[in-house]
Amino acid sequence: MPATGELIRLMNYIDDIATTLRRISASIPAMTKEECARLGEYIRKSEPSYESVLQHLEQAGKEDK
């Protein structure tokens, strides 16, 4: 099945997210414990979360079958 333009665009967004996470990971050694905790909590409270989007995708995939 060929990828639609929208699917390719969404996959590019995932590449952008991965790049952002690599940048965050590279910054962690320079951060204090308090900064790490604060950033971790900020990520955890972010909505929609990465995990919630994955769950939604998995649910949508099950409904299509």
PDB file of N, CA and C in Angstrom:
ATOM      1  N   MET A   1       0.839  -1.173   0.000  1.00  0.00           N
ATOM      2  CA  MET A   1       0.000   0.000   0.000  1.00  0.00           C
ATOM      3  C   MET A   1       0.888   1.242   0.000  1.00  0.00           C
ATOM      4  N   PRO A   2       0.740   2.126  -0.980  1.00  0.00           N
ATOM      5  CA  PRO A   2       1.554   3.336  -1.016  1.00  0.00           C
ATOM      6  C   PRO A   2       1.150   4.300   0.105  1.00  0.00           C
ATOM      7  N   ALA A   3       2.129   5.064   0.574  1.00  0.00           N
ATOM      8  CA  ALA A   3       1.878   6.040   1.632  1.00  0.00           C
ATOM      9  C   ALA A   3       1.265   7.303   1.031  1.00  0.00           C
ATOM     10  N   THR A   4       0.246   7.815   1.706  1.00  0.00           N
ATOM     11  CA  THR A   4      -0.369   9.064   1.274  1.00  0.00           C
ATOM     12  C   THR A   4       0.513  10.233   1.707  1.00  0.00           C
ATOM     13  N   GLY A   5       0.251  11.377   1.142  1.00  0.00           N
ATOM     14  CA  GLY A   5       0.995  12.577   1.541  1.00  0.00           C
ATOM     15  C   GLY A   5       0.808  12.886   3.010  1.00  0.00           C
ATOM     16  N   GLU A   6      -0.406  12.667   3.520  1.00  0.00           N
ATOM     17  CA  GLU A   6      -0.678  12.927   4.935  1.00  0.00           C
ATOM     18  C   GLU A   6       0.117  11.983   5.828  1.00  0.00           C
ATOM     19  N   LEU A   7       0.194  10.703   5.453  1.00  0.00           N
ATOM     20  CA  LEU A   7       0.972   9.748   6.246  1.00  0.00           C
ATOM     21  C   LEU A   7       2.441  10.145   6.262  1.00  0.00           C
ATOM     22  N   ILE A   8       2.976  10.531   5.128  1.00  0.00           N
ATOM     23  CA  ILE A   8       4.383  10.959   5.060  1.00  0.00           C
ATOM     24  C   ILE A   8       4.603  12.185   5.939  1.00  0.00           C
ATOM     25  N   ARG A   9       3.673  13.131   5.910  1.00  0.00           N
ATOM     26  CA  ARG A   9       3.783  14.334   6.742  1.00  0.00           C
ATOM     27  C   ARG A   9       3.776  13.952   8.218  1.00  0.00           C
ATOM     28  N   LEU A  10       2.887  13.048   8.609  1.00  0.00           N
ATOM     29  CA  LEU A  10       2.824  12.613  10.000  1.00  0.00           C
ATOM     30  C   LEU A  10       4.098  11.879  10.418  1.00  0.00           C
ATOM     31  N   MET A  11       4.642  11.078   9.517  1.00  0.00           N
ATOM     32  CA  MET A  11       5.901  10.379   9.819  1.00  0.00           C
ATOM     33  C   MET A  11       7.043  11.379   9.980  1.00  0.00           C
ATOM     34  N   ASN A  12       7.019  12.449   9.219  1.00  0.00           N
ATOM     35  CA  ASN A  12       8.025  13.507   9.378  1.00  0.00           C
ATOM     36  C   ASN A  12       7.895  14.178  10.744  1.00  0.00           C
ATOM     37  N   TYR A  13       6.657  14.325  11.237  1.00  0.00           N
ATOM     38  CA  TYR A  13       6.465  14.867  12.584  1.00  0.00           C
ATOM     39  C   TYR A  13       7.119  13.963  13.623  1.00  0.00           C
ATOM     40  N   ILE A  14       6.993  12.652  13.437  1.00  0.00           N
ATOM     41  CA  ILE A  14       7.625  11.707  14.362  1.00  0.00           C
ATOM     42  C   ILE A  14       9.144  11.859  14.321  1.00  0.00           C
ATOM     43  N   ASP A  15       9.693  12.060  13.126  1.00  0.00           N
ATOM     44  CA  ASP A  15      11.136  12.321  13.016  1.00  0.00           C
ATOM     45  C   ASP A  15      11.513  13.578  13.791  1.00  0.00           C
ATOM     46  N   ASP A  16      10.667  14.603  13.729  1.00  0.00           N
ATOM     47  CA  ASP A  16      10.923  15.839  14.480  1.00  0.00           C
ATOM     48  C   ASP A  16      10.877  15.584  15.981  1.00  0.00           C
ATOM     49  N   ILE A  17       9.920  14.774  16.417  1.00  0.00           N
ATOM     50  CA  ILE A  17       9.834  14.429  17.835  1.00  0.00           C
ATOM     51  C   ILE A  17      11.091  13.686  18.276  1.00  0.00           C
ATOM     52  N   ALA A  18      11.544  12.740  17.461  1.00  0.00           N
ATOM     53  CA  ALA A  18      12.759  11.980  17.790  1.00  0.00           C
ATOM     54  C   ALA A  18      13.969  12.903  17.888  1.00  0.00           C
ATOM     55  N   THR A  19      14.058  13.866  16.990  1.00  0.00           N
ATOM     56  CA  THR A  19      15.160  14.836  17.029  1.00  0.00           C
ATOM     57  C   THR A  19      15.100  15.646  18.322  1.00  0.00           C
ATOM     58  N   THR A  20      13.912  16.074  18.698  1.00  0.00           N
ATOM     59  CA  THR A  20      13.746  16.831  19.933  1.00  0.00           C
ATOM     60  C   THR A  20      14.148  15.995  21.138  1.00  0.00           C
ATOM     61  N   LEU A  21      13.746  14.731  21.156  1.00  0.00           N
ATOM     62  CA  LEU A  21      14.103  13.856  22.283  1.00  0.00           C
ATOM     63  C   LEU A  21      15.613  13.619  22.346  1.00  0.00           C
ATOM     64  N   ARG A  22      16.268  13.519  21.189  1.00  0.00           N
ATOM     65  CA  ARG A  22      17.734  13.386  21.188  1.00  0.00           C
ATOM     66  C   ARG A  22      18.387  14.638  21.776  1.00  0.00           C
ATOM     67  N   ARG A  23      17.847  15.806  21.439  1.00  0.00           N
ATOM     68  CA  ARG A  23      18.393  17.062  21.983  1.00  0.00           C
ATOM     69  C   ARG A  23      18.201  17.127  23.493  1.00  0.00           C
ATOM     70  N   ILE A  24      17.014  16.710  23.955  1.00  0.00           N
ATOM     71  CA  ILE A  24      16.767  16.687  25.393  1.00  0.00           C
ATOM     72  C   ILE A  24      17.736  15.719  26.066  1.00  0.00           C
ATOM     73  N   SER A  25      17.890  14.529  25.505  1.00  0.00           N
ATOM     74  CA  SER A  25      18.789  13.523  26.081  1.00  0.00           C
ATOM     75  C   SER A  25      20.223  14.031  26.151  1.00  0.00           C
ATOM     76  N   ALA A  26      20.654  14.754  25.132  1.00  0.00           N
ATOM     77  CA  ALA A  26      22.019  15.287  25.117  1.00  0.00           C
ATOM     78  C   ALA A  26      22.211  16.375  26.175  1.00  0.00           C
ATOM     79  N   SER A  27      21.131  17.031  26.572  1.00  0.00           N
ATOM     80  CA  SER A  27      21.213  18.112  27.565  1.00  0.00           C
ATOM     81  C   SER A  27      21.166  17.612  29.000  1.00  0.00           C
ATOM     82  N   ILE A  28      20.714  16.404  29.209  1.00  0.00           N
ATOM     83  CA  ILE A  28      20.521  15.892  30.565  1.00  0.00           C
ATOM     84  C   ILE A  28      21.787  15.941  31.416  1.00  0.00           C
ATOM     85  N   PRO A  29      22.956  15.560  30.902  1.00  0.00           N
ATOM     86  CA  PRO A  29      24.144  15.599  31.766  1.00  0.00           C
ATOM     87  C   PRO A  29      24.477  16.995  32.320  1.00  0.00           C
ATOM     88  N   ALA A  30      24.053  18.042  31.634  1.00  0.00           N
ATOM     89  CA  ALA A  30      24.346  19.405  32.081  1.00  0.00           C
ATOM     90  C   ALA A  30      23.268  19.956  33.016  1.00  0.00           C
ATOM     91  N   MET A  31      22.209  19.196  33.240  1.00  0.00           N
ATOM     92  CA  MET A  31      21.101  19.674  34.063  1.00  0.00           C
ATOM     93  C   MET A  31      21.265  19.261  35.518  1.00  0.00           C
ATOM     94  N   THR A  32      20.694  20.062  36.408  1.00  0.00           N
ATOM     95  CA  THR A  32      20.688  19.695  37.830  1.00  0.00           C
ATOM     96  C   THR A  32      19.615  18.637  38.061  1.00  0.00           C
ATOM     97  N   LYS A  33      19.663  18.012  39.229  1.00  0.00           N
ATOM     98  CA  LYS A  33      18.637  17.025  39.586  1.00  0.00           C
ATOM     99  C   LYS A  33      17.251  17.674  39.596  1.00  0.00           C
ATOM    100  N   GLU A  34      17.194  18.900  40.100  1.00  0.00           N
ATOM    101  CA  GLU A  34      15.921  19.609  40.165  1.00  0.00           C
ATOM    102  C   GLU A  34      15.391  19.905  38.766  1.00  0.00           C
ATOM    103  N   GLU A  35      16.270  20.308  37.862  1.00  0.00           N
ATOM    104  CA  GLU A  35      15.848  20.581  36.482  1.00  0.00           C
ATOM    105  C   GLU A  35      15.358  19.301  35.807  1.00  0.00           C
ATOM    106  N   CYS A  36      16.079  18.214  36.023  1.00  0.00           N
ATOM    107  CA  CYS A  36      15.658  16.931  35.447  1.00  0.00           C
ATOM    108  C   CYS A  36      14.279  16.537  35.962  1.00  0.00           C
ATOM    109  N   ALA A  37      14.072  16.680  37.263  1.00  0.00           N
ATOM    110  CA  ALA A  37      12.784  16.326  37.855  1.00  0.00           C
ATOM    111  C   ALA A  37      11.674  17.215  37.286  1.00  0.00           C
ATOM    112  N   ARG A  38      11.949  18.490  37.174  1.00  0.00           N
ATOM    113  CA  ARG A  38      10.936  19.425  36.670  1.00  0.00           C
ATOM    114  C   ARG A  38      10.601  19.133  35.205  1.00  0.00           C
ATOM    115  N   LEU A  39      11.622  18.884  34.389  1.00  0.00           N
ATOM    116  CA  LEU A  39      11.380  18.578  32.985  1.00  0.00           C
ATOM    117  C   LEU A  39      10.650  17.246  32.846  1.00  0.00           C
ATOM    118  N   GLY A  40      11.031  16.262  33.639  1.00  0.00           N
ATOM    119  CA  GLY A  40      10.354  14.968  33.603  1.00  0.00           C
ATOM    120  C   GLY A  40       8.881  15.099  33.939  1.00  0.00           C
ATOM    121  N   GLU A  41       8.575  15.885  34.958  1.00  0.00           N
ATOM    122  CA  GLU A  41       7.177  16.098  35.343  1.00  0.00           C
ATOM    123  C   GLU A  41       6.421  16.853  34.246  1.00  0.00           C
ATOM    124  N   TYR A  42       7.080  17.808  33.628  1.00  0.00           N
ATOM    125  CA  TYR A  42       6.461  18.582  32.540  1.00  0.00           C
ATOM    126  C   TYR A  42       6.112  17.661  31.370  1.00  0.00           C
ATOM    127  N   ILE A  43       7.047  16.776  31.027  1.00  0.00           N
ATOM    128  CA  ILE A  43       6.803  15.818  29.942  1.00  0.00           C
ATOM    129  C   ILE A  43       5.670  14.877  30.325  1.00  0.00           C
ATOM    130  N   ARG A  44       5.683  14.389  31.565  1.00  0.00           N
ATOM    131  CA  ARG A  44       4.669  13.443  32.036  1.00  0.00           C
ATOM    132  C   ARG A  44       3.264  14.043  31.967  1.00  0.00           C
ATOM    133  N   LYS A  45       3.126  15.341  32.246  1.00  0.00           N
ATOM    134  CA  LYS A  45       1.824  15.998  32.264  1.00  0.00           C
ATOM    135  C   LYS A  45       1.384  16.483  30.883  1.00  0.00           C
ATOM    136  N   SER A  46       2.262  16.427  29.913  1.00  0.00           N
ATOM    137  CA  SER A  46       1.960  16.904  28.568  1.00  0.00           C
ATOM    138  C   SER A  46       0.808  16.115  27.958  1.00  0.00           C
ATOM    139  N   GLU A  47      -0.132  16.813  27.358  1.00  0.00           N
ATOM    140  CA  GLU A  47      -1.270  16.160  26.697  1.00  0.00           C
ATOM    141  C   GLU A  47      -1.472  16.765  25.321  1.00  0.00           C
ATOM    142  N   PRO A  48      -1.700  15.945  24.332  1.00  0.00           N
ATOM    143  CA  PRO A  48      -1.738  14.497  24.444  1.00  0.00           C
ATOM    144  C   PRO A  48      -0.320  13.957  24.616  1.00  0.00           C
ATOM    145  N   SER A  49      -0.207  12.903  25.367  1.00  0.00           N
ATOM    146  CA  SER A  49       1.106  12.293  25.587  1.00  0.00           C
ATOM    147  C   SER A  49       1.442  11.347  24.435  1.00  0.00           C
ATOM    148  N   TYR A  50       2.706  11.051  24.320  1.00  0.00           N
ATOM    149  CA  TYR A  50       3.175  10.107  23.307  1.00  0.00           C
ATOM    150  C   TYR A  50       2.451   8.770  23.481  1.00  0.00           C
ATOM    151  N   GLU A  51       2.359   8.353  24.743  1.00  0.00           N
ATOM    152  CA  GLU A  51       1.715   7.074  25.054  1.00  0.00           C
ATOM    153  C   GLU A  51       0.232   7.081  24.695  1.00  0.00           C
ATOM    154  N   SER A  52      -0.476   8.176  24.981  1.00  0.00           N
ATOM    155  CA  SER A  52      -1.910   8.213  24.678  1.00  0.00           C
ATOM    156  C   SER A  52      -2.163   8.181  23.172  1.00  0.00           C
ATOM    157  N   VAL A  53      -1.287   8.801  22.399  1.00  0.00           N
ATOM    158  CA  VAL A  53      -1.428   8.761  20.941  1.00  0.00           C
ATOM    159  C   VAL A  53      -1.167   7.344  20.432  1.00  0.00           C
ATOM    160  N   LEU A  54      -0.155   6.666  20.989  1.00  0.00           N
ATOM    161  CA  LEU A  54       0.106   5.276  20.601  1.00  0.00           C
ATOM    162  C   LEU A  54      -1.090   4.387  20.910  1.00  0.00           C
ATOM    163  N   GLN A  55      -1.682   4.559  22.074  1.00  0.00           N
ATOM    164  CA  GLN A  55      -2.856   3.761  22.442  1.00  0.00           C
ATOM    165  C   GLN A  55      -4.005   4.023  21.477  1.00  0.00           C
ATOM    166  N   HIS A  56      -4.196   5.279  21.105  1.00  0.00           N
ATOM    167  CA  HIS A  56      -5.256   5.627  20.169  1.00  0.00           C
ATOM    168  C   HIS A  56      -5.008   4.978  18.804  1.00  0.00           C
ATOM    169  N   LEU A  57      -3.761   5.007  18.344  1.00  0.00           N
ATOM    170  CA  LEU A  57      -3.410   4.369  17.071  1.00  0.00           C
ATOM    171  C   LEU A  57      -3.666   2.866  17.125  1.00  0.00           C
ATOM    172  N   GLU A  58      -3.252   2.240  18.215  1.00  0.00           N
ATOM    173  CA  GLU A  58      -3.452   0.798  18.360  1.00  0.00           C
ATOM    174  C   GLU A  58      -4.932   0.452  18.386  1.00  0.00           C
ATOM    175  N   GLN A  59      -5.729   1.261  19.084  1.00  0.00           N
ATOM    176  CA  GLN A  59      -7.166   1.021  19.139  1.00  0.00           C
ATOM    177  C   GLN A  59      -7.799   1.185  17.763  1.00  0.00           C
ATOM    178  N   ALA A  60      -7.394   2.211  17.033  1.00  0.00           N
ATOM    179  CA  ALA A  60      -7.926   2.441  15.693  1.00  0.00           C
ATOM    180  C   ALA A  60      -7.552   1.284  14.762  1.00  0.00           C
ATOM    181  N   GLY A  61      -6.348   0.747  14.920  1.00  0.00           N
ATOM    182  CA  GLY A  61      -5.915  -0.385  14.108  1.00  0.00           C
ATOM    183  C   GLY A  61      -6.739  -1.633  14.372  1.00  0.00           C
ATOM    184  N   LYS A  62      -7.143  -1.835  15.623  1.00  0.00           N
ATOM    185  CA  LYS A  62      -7.956  -2.998  15.988  1.00  0.00           C
ATOM    186  C   LYS A  62      -9.380  -2.863  15.450  1.00  0.00           C
ATOM    187  N   GLU A  63      -9.887  -1.636  15.418  1.00  0.00           N
ATOM    188  CA  GLU A  63     -11.256  -1.395  14.951  1.00  0.00           C
ATOM    189  C   GLU A  63     -11.392  -1.599  13.453  1.00  0.00           C
ATOM    190  N   ASP A  64     -10.297  -1.377  12.713  1.00  0.00           N
ATOM    191  CA  ASP A  64     -10.338  -1.515  11.255  1.00  0.00           C
ATOM    192  C   ASP A  64     -10.380  -2.966  10.800  1.00  0.00           C
ATOM    193  N   LYS A  65      -9.998  -3.885  11.658  1.00  0.00           N
ATOM    194  CA  LYS A  65      -9.905  -5.295  11.249  1.00  0.00           C
ATOM    195  C   LYS A  65     -11.229  -5.973  11.250  1.00  0.00           C
TER     196      LYS A  65
END
